[in-house]
Amino acid sequence: MDATMVDALLDVTRKKIEALCEKRLAEGADAYELLDELTRGLREIGRGYKERYFDAELMVSGWNAKKAVQLLKPQLQAGTKRKRSLGRVVIGTVKGDVHDIGKDIVTIMLSSAGFDVIDLGIDVAKEQFAEAVKETGAGILALSALLTTTRGYMADVIEHCRGNDLAVKILVGGGAVNATFAQKIGADAYGKDAVEAIRKAKELYLTIHGGEKTLG
């Protein structure tokens, strides 16, 4: 992992992240590559939480990550004219968790990939997720959790949706989640990072449509 990104994420002046992003873009770097690097930097900081990094560092990295996402958003959205939508995705961070960086990155990338995204934000209750799926007819529900103390609520959301007979595919991800946990709670797919989350969303799209539609 390039320490430069971690240093920029931990900069309290919030100037290094902007300079780094602008420098990489000027050098010809792809915005998606920078998002991937940003995600890896956040993951490294998360791994060091309570040992090397604490609440203050986590907050600073969150501010800087949001700034980076906003800087990269125009490049991500440029030239994404779509002939058709791949379908609707409802996304949100589960109840008790107020972290939204990873979710915001996935939201932007889903939209750029061709999905219509309904972002419910943070601290979302199972009833809100279910209602949004019903109202929008979304085929995919994406759940995010950064904290191990809140990831268990994902199981509550899945149980609630299944109990209400919602025909929706559920994709989970976030710093607190892994493939084993995703399988245990009955999720349909798991994305270890933003790039994989988009790939899994496309796979779920094909599953929903029985492979009869192409992604083009």
Protein backbone atom coordinates (compact mmCIF):
# COMPACT_ATOMS: atom_id res chain seq x y z
CA MET A 1 0.00 0.00 0.00
CA ASP A 2 1.37 3.42 -0.97
CA ALA A 3 1.90 5.32 2.28
CA THR A 4 1.26 8.58 0.41
CA MET A 5 -2.49 7.92 0.30
CA VAL A 6 -2.62 7.03 4.00
CA ASP A 7 -0.69 10.19 4.85
CA ALA A 8 -3.09 12.26 2.74
CA LEU A 9 -6.11 10.67 4.43
CA LEU A 10 -4.69 11.47 7.87
CA ASP A 11 -3.82 15.10 7.05
CA VAL A 12 -5.76 17.40 9.37
CA THR A 13 -5.34 20.37 7.03
CA ARG A 14 -7.31 18.51 4.32
CA LYS A 15 -4.90 19.88 1.71
CA LYS A 16 -2.80 16.83 0.93
CA ILE A 17 -5.70 14.73 -0.36
CA GLU A 18 -6.72 17.41 -2.86
CA ALA A 19 -3.14 17.91 -4.02
CA LEU A 20 -2.61 14.16 -4.36
CA CYS A 21 -5.78 13.59 -6.39
CA GLU A 22 -5.08 16.54 -8.70
CA LYS A 23 -1.47 15.42 -9.19
CA ARG A 24 -2.46 11.83 -10.06
CA LEU A 25 -5.19 12.97 -12.44
CA ALA A 26 -2.78 15.40 -14.15
CA GLU A 27 -0.38 12.49 -14.61
CA GLY A 28 -3.10 10.57 -16.40
CA ALA A 29 -4.30 8.30 -13.60
CA ASP A 30 -7.79 6.87 -13.96
CA ALA A 31 -10.37 8.09 -11.43
CA TYR A 32 -11.38 4.50 -10.71
CA GLU A 33 -7.77 3.63 -9.90
CA LEU A 34 -7.69 6.50 -7.41
CA LEU A 35 -10.94 5.29 -5.84
CA ASP A 36 -9.42 1.85 -5.44
CA GLU A 37 -6.33 3.36 -3.81
CA LEU A 38 -8.56 5.47 -1.58
CA THR A 39 -10.49 2.37 -0.51
CA ARG A 40 -7.28 0.49 0.27
CA GLY A 41 -6.02 3.43 2.31
CA LEU A 42 -9.21 3.53 4.37
CA ARG A 43 -9.02 -0.21 4.88
CA GLU A 44 -5.45 0.07 6.18
CA ILE A 45 -6.46 2.79 8.62
CA GLY A 46 -9.41 0.66 9.71
CA ARG A 47 -7.14 -2.31 10.36
CA GLY A 48 -5.01 -0.16 12.66
CA TYR A 49 -8.00 1.22 14.59
CA LYS A 50 -7.53 1.10 18.38
CA GLU A 51 -3.86 0.15 17.94
CA ARG A 52 -2.21 2.74 15.68
CA TYR A 53 -5.19 4.96 14.90
CA PHE A 54 -8.03 6.17 17.09
CA ASP A 55 -11.35 8.05 16.79
CA ALA A 56 -9.72 11.35 15.80
CA GLU A 57 -7.76 9.74 12.95
CA LEU A 58 -10.85 7.88 11.80
CA MET A 59 -12.81 11.14 11.63
CA VAL A 60 -10.04 12.95 9.75
CA SER A 61 -9.71 10.12 7.23
CA GLY A 62 -13.47 10.25 6.72
CA TRP A 63 -13.42 13.97 5.98
CA ASN A 64 -10.55 13.59 3.54
CA ALA A 65 -12.13 10.60 1.81
CA LYS A 66 -15.35 12.56 1.27
CA LYS A 67 -13.36 15.42 -0.23
CA ALA A 68 -11.56 13.02 -2.57
CA VAL A 69 -14.84 11.43 -3.70
CA GLN A 70 -16.27 14.85 -4.53
CA LEU A 71 -13.14 15.77 -6.48
CA LEU A 72 -13.30 12.55 -8.50
CA LYS A 73 -17.05 12.56 -9.05
CA PRO A 74 -16.99 14.66 -12.28
CA GLN A 75 -14.46 12.30 -13.86
CA LEU A 76 -16.47 9.26 -12.80
CA GLN A 77 -19.70 10.64 -14.20
CA ALA A 78 -18.24 12.07 -17.40
CA GLY A 79 -19.33 10.30 -20.53
CA THR A 80 -21.66 7.87 -18.79
CA LYS A 81 -24.55 8.34 -21.18
CA ARG A 82 -26.65 5.19 -20.99
CA LYS A 83 -28.96 3.68 -23.54
CA ARG A 84 -30.82 1.89 -20.77
CA SER A 85 -30.67 1.26 -17.05
CA LEU A 86 -29.39 -1.99 -15.61
CA GLY A 87 -32.08 -1.70 -12.95
CA ARG A 88 -32.53 -0.15 -9.53
CA VAL A 89 -30.34 -0.63 -6.48
CA VAL A 90 -31.32 0.49 -2.98
CA ILE A 91 -28.24 1.13 -0.84
CA GLY A 92 -27.60 2.26 2.73
CA THR A 93 -25.50 1.89 5.87
CA VAL A 94 -27.32 -0.21 8.45
CA LYS A 95 -28.90 1.03 11.68
CA GLY A 96 -26.40 2.07 14.35
CA ASP A 97 -23.64 2.82 11.84
CA VAL A 98 -23.02 6.38 10.63
CA HIS A 99 -20.09 5.69 8.31
CA ASP A 100 -20.75 6.45 4.66
CA ILE A 101 -17.47 6.73 2.75
CA GLY A 102 -17.46 3.20 1.36
CA LYS A 103 -21.16 3.43 0.61
CA ASP A 104 -20.71 6.73 -1.21
CA ILE A 105 -17.94 5.29 -3.37
CA VAL A 106 -20.01 2.24 -4.28
CA THR A 107 -23.01 4.49 -5.02
CA ILE A 108 -21.04 6.59 -7.49
CA MET A 109 -19.56 3.53 -9.17
CA LEU A 110 -22.92 1.76 -9.42
CA SER A 111 -24.41 4.84 -11.05
CA SER A 112 -21.49 5.12 -13.45
CA ALA A 113 -21.86 1.41 -14.31
CA GLY A 114 -25.46 1.94 -15.39
CA PHE A 115 -27.61 1.32 -12.33
CA ASP A 116 -30.25 3.66 -10.95
CA VAL A 117 -29.26 4.04 -7.30
CA ILE A 118 -31.52 5.00 -4.40
CA ASP A 119 -29.21 5.97 -1.53
CA LEU A 120 -30.96 5.87 1.87
CA GLY A 121 -27.93 7.26 3.69
CA ILE A 122 -26.72 6.10 7.10
CA ASP A 123 -28.28 4.54 10.23
CA VAL A 124 -31.04 2.92 8.15
CA ALA A 125 -33.62 0.65 9.84
CA LYS A 126 -34.79 -2.64 8.32
CA GLU A 127 -38.27 -1.22 7.78
CA GLN A 128 -36.82 1.66 5.73
CA PHE A 129 -34.87 -0.73 3.54
CA ALA A 130 -37.92 -2.90 2.93
CA GLU A 131 -40.18 0.05 2.19
CA ALA A 132 -37.70 1.50 -0.30
CA VAL A 133 -37.44 -1.84 -2.11
CA LYS A 134 -41.24 -2.08 -2.31
CA GLU A 135 -41.69 1.50 -3.51
CA THR A 136 -38.95 1.43 -6.15
CA GLY A 137 -39.16 -2.19 -7.29
CA ALA A 138 -35.39 -2.47 -6.85
CA GLY A 139 -33.88 -5.81 -7.79
CA ILE A 140 -30.81 -5.36 -5.59
CA LEU A 141 -30.43 -4.19 -1.99
CA ALA A 142 -26.89 -3.21 -0.97
CA LEU A 143 -26.05 -3.07 2.75
CA SER A 144 -22.93 -1.50 4.26
CA ALA A 145 -21.40 -1.71 7.75
CA LEU A 146 -18.01 -0.56 8.98
CA LEU A 147 -18.34 -1.56 12.63
CA THR A 148 -18.41 -5.12 13.96
CA THR A 149 -20.97 -3.91 16.50
CA THR A 150 -23.44 -3.04 13.74
CA ARG A 151 -22.84 -5.72 11.12
CA GLY A 152 -25.18 -8.10 12.94
CA TYR A 153 -28.05 -5.81 11.96
CA MET A 154 -27.52 -6.90 8.38
CA ALA A 155 -28.98 -10.26 9.37
CA ASP A 156 -32.03 -8.46 10.76
CA VAL A 157 -32.50 -6.62 7.47
CA ILE A 158 -32.24 -9.83 5.46
CA GLU A 159 -34.64 -11.68 7.75
CA HIS A 160 -37.13 -8.81 7.56
CA CYS A 161 -36.98 -8.68 3.76
CA ARG A 162 -37.35 -12.44 3.42
CA GLY A 163 -40.17 -12.44 5.95
CA ASN A 164 -42.01 -9.89 3.84
CA ASP A 165 -41.51 -11.96 0.67
CA LEU A 166 -39.43 -9.32 -1.07
CA ALA A 167 -37.89 -10.74 -4.23
CA VAL A 168 -34.67 -8.75 -3.93
CA LYS A 169 -31.06 -9.86 -4.17
CA ILE A 170 -28.98 -8.69 -1.22
CA LEU A 171 -25.37 -7.55 -1.57
CA VAL A 172 -23.33 -6.81 1.56
CA GLY A 173 -19.99 -5.15 2.17
CA GLY A 174 -17.99 -2.82 4.38
CA GLY A 175 -15.00 -2.98 6.67
CA ALA A 176 -16.74 -5.20 9.22
CA VAL A 177 -17.89 -7.81 6.71
CA ASN A 178 -16.20 -10.79 5.08
CA ALA A 179 -17.29 -13.63 2.81
CA THR A 180 -17.85 -16.06 5.69
CA PHE A 181 -20.09 -13.63 7.54
CA ALA A 182 -22.02 -12.79 4.35
CA GLN A 183 -22.73 -16.46 3.74
CA LYS A 184 -23.71 -17.01 7.38
CA ILE A 185 -26.40 -14.30 7.31
CA GLY A 186 -27.82 -15.44 3.99
CA ALA A 187 -26.67 -12.61 1.72
CA ASP A 188 -26.73 -13.30 -2.01
CA ALA A 189 -23.35 -11.70 -2.65
CA TYR A 190 -20.41 -10.04 -0.91
CA GLY A 191 -18.12 -7.29 -2.22
CA LYS A 192 -14.80 -6.98 -0.43
CA ASP A 193 -14.27 -3.54 -2.00
CA ALA A 194 -16.01 -1.10 -4.32
CA VAL A 195 -14.68 -2.67 -7.50
CA GLU A 196 -15.82 -6.15 -6.52
CA ALA A 197 -19.17 -4.79 -5.33
CA ILE A 198 -19.88 -3.48 -8.82
CA ARG A 199 -18.89 -6.79 -10.38
CA LYS A 200 -21.15 -8.68 -7.98
CA ALA A 201 -24.03 -6.28 -8.68
CA LYS A 202 -23.69 -7.00 -12.40
CA GLU A 203 -23.67 -10.75 -11.70
CA LEU A 204 -26.83 -10.38 -9.62
CA TYR A 205 -28.41 -8.37 -12.45
CA LEU A 206 -27.79 -11.25 -14.84
CA THR A 207 -29.18 -13.71 -12.29
CA ILE A 208 -32.34 -11.65 -11.91
CA HIS A 209 -32.84 -11.58 -15.65
CA GLY A 210 -31.92 -15.20 -16.21
CA GLY A 211 -28.93 -14.25 -18.31
CA GLU A 212 -31.21 -13.09 -21.11
CA LYS A 213 -29.86 -9.51 -21.07
CA THR A 214 -26.34 -8.43 -21.79
CA LEU A 215 -24.42 -5.75 -19.95
CA GLY A 216 -22.98 -4.19 -23.08
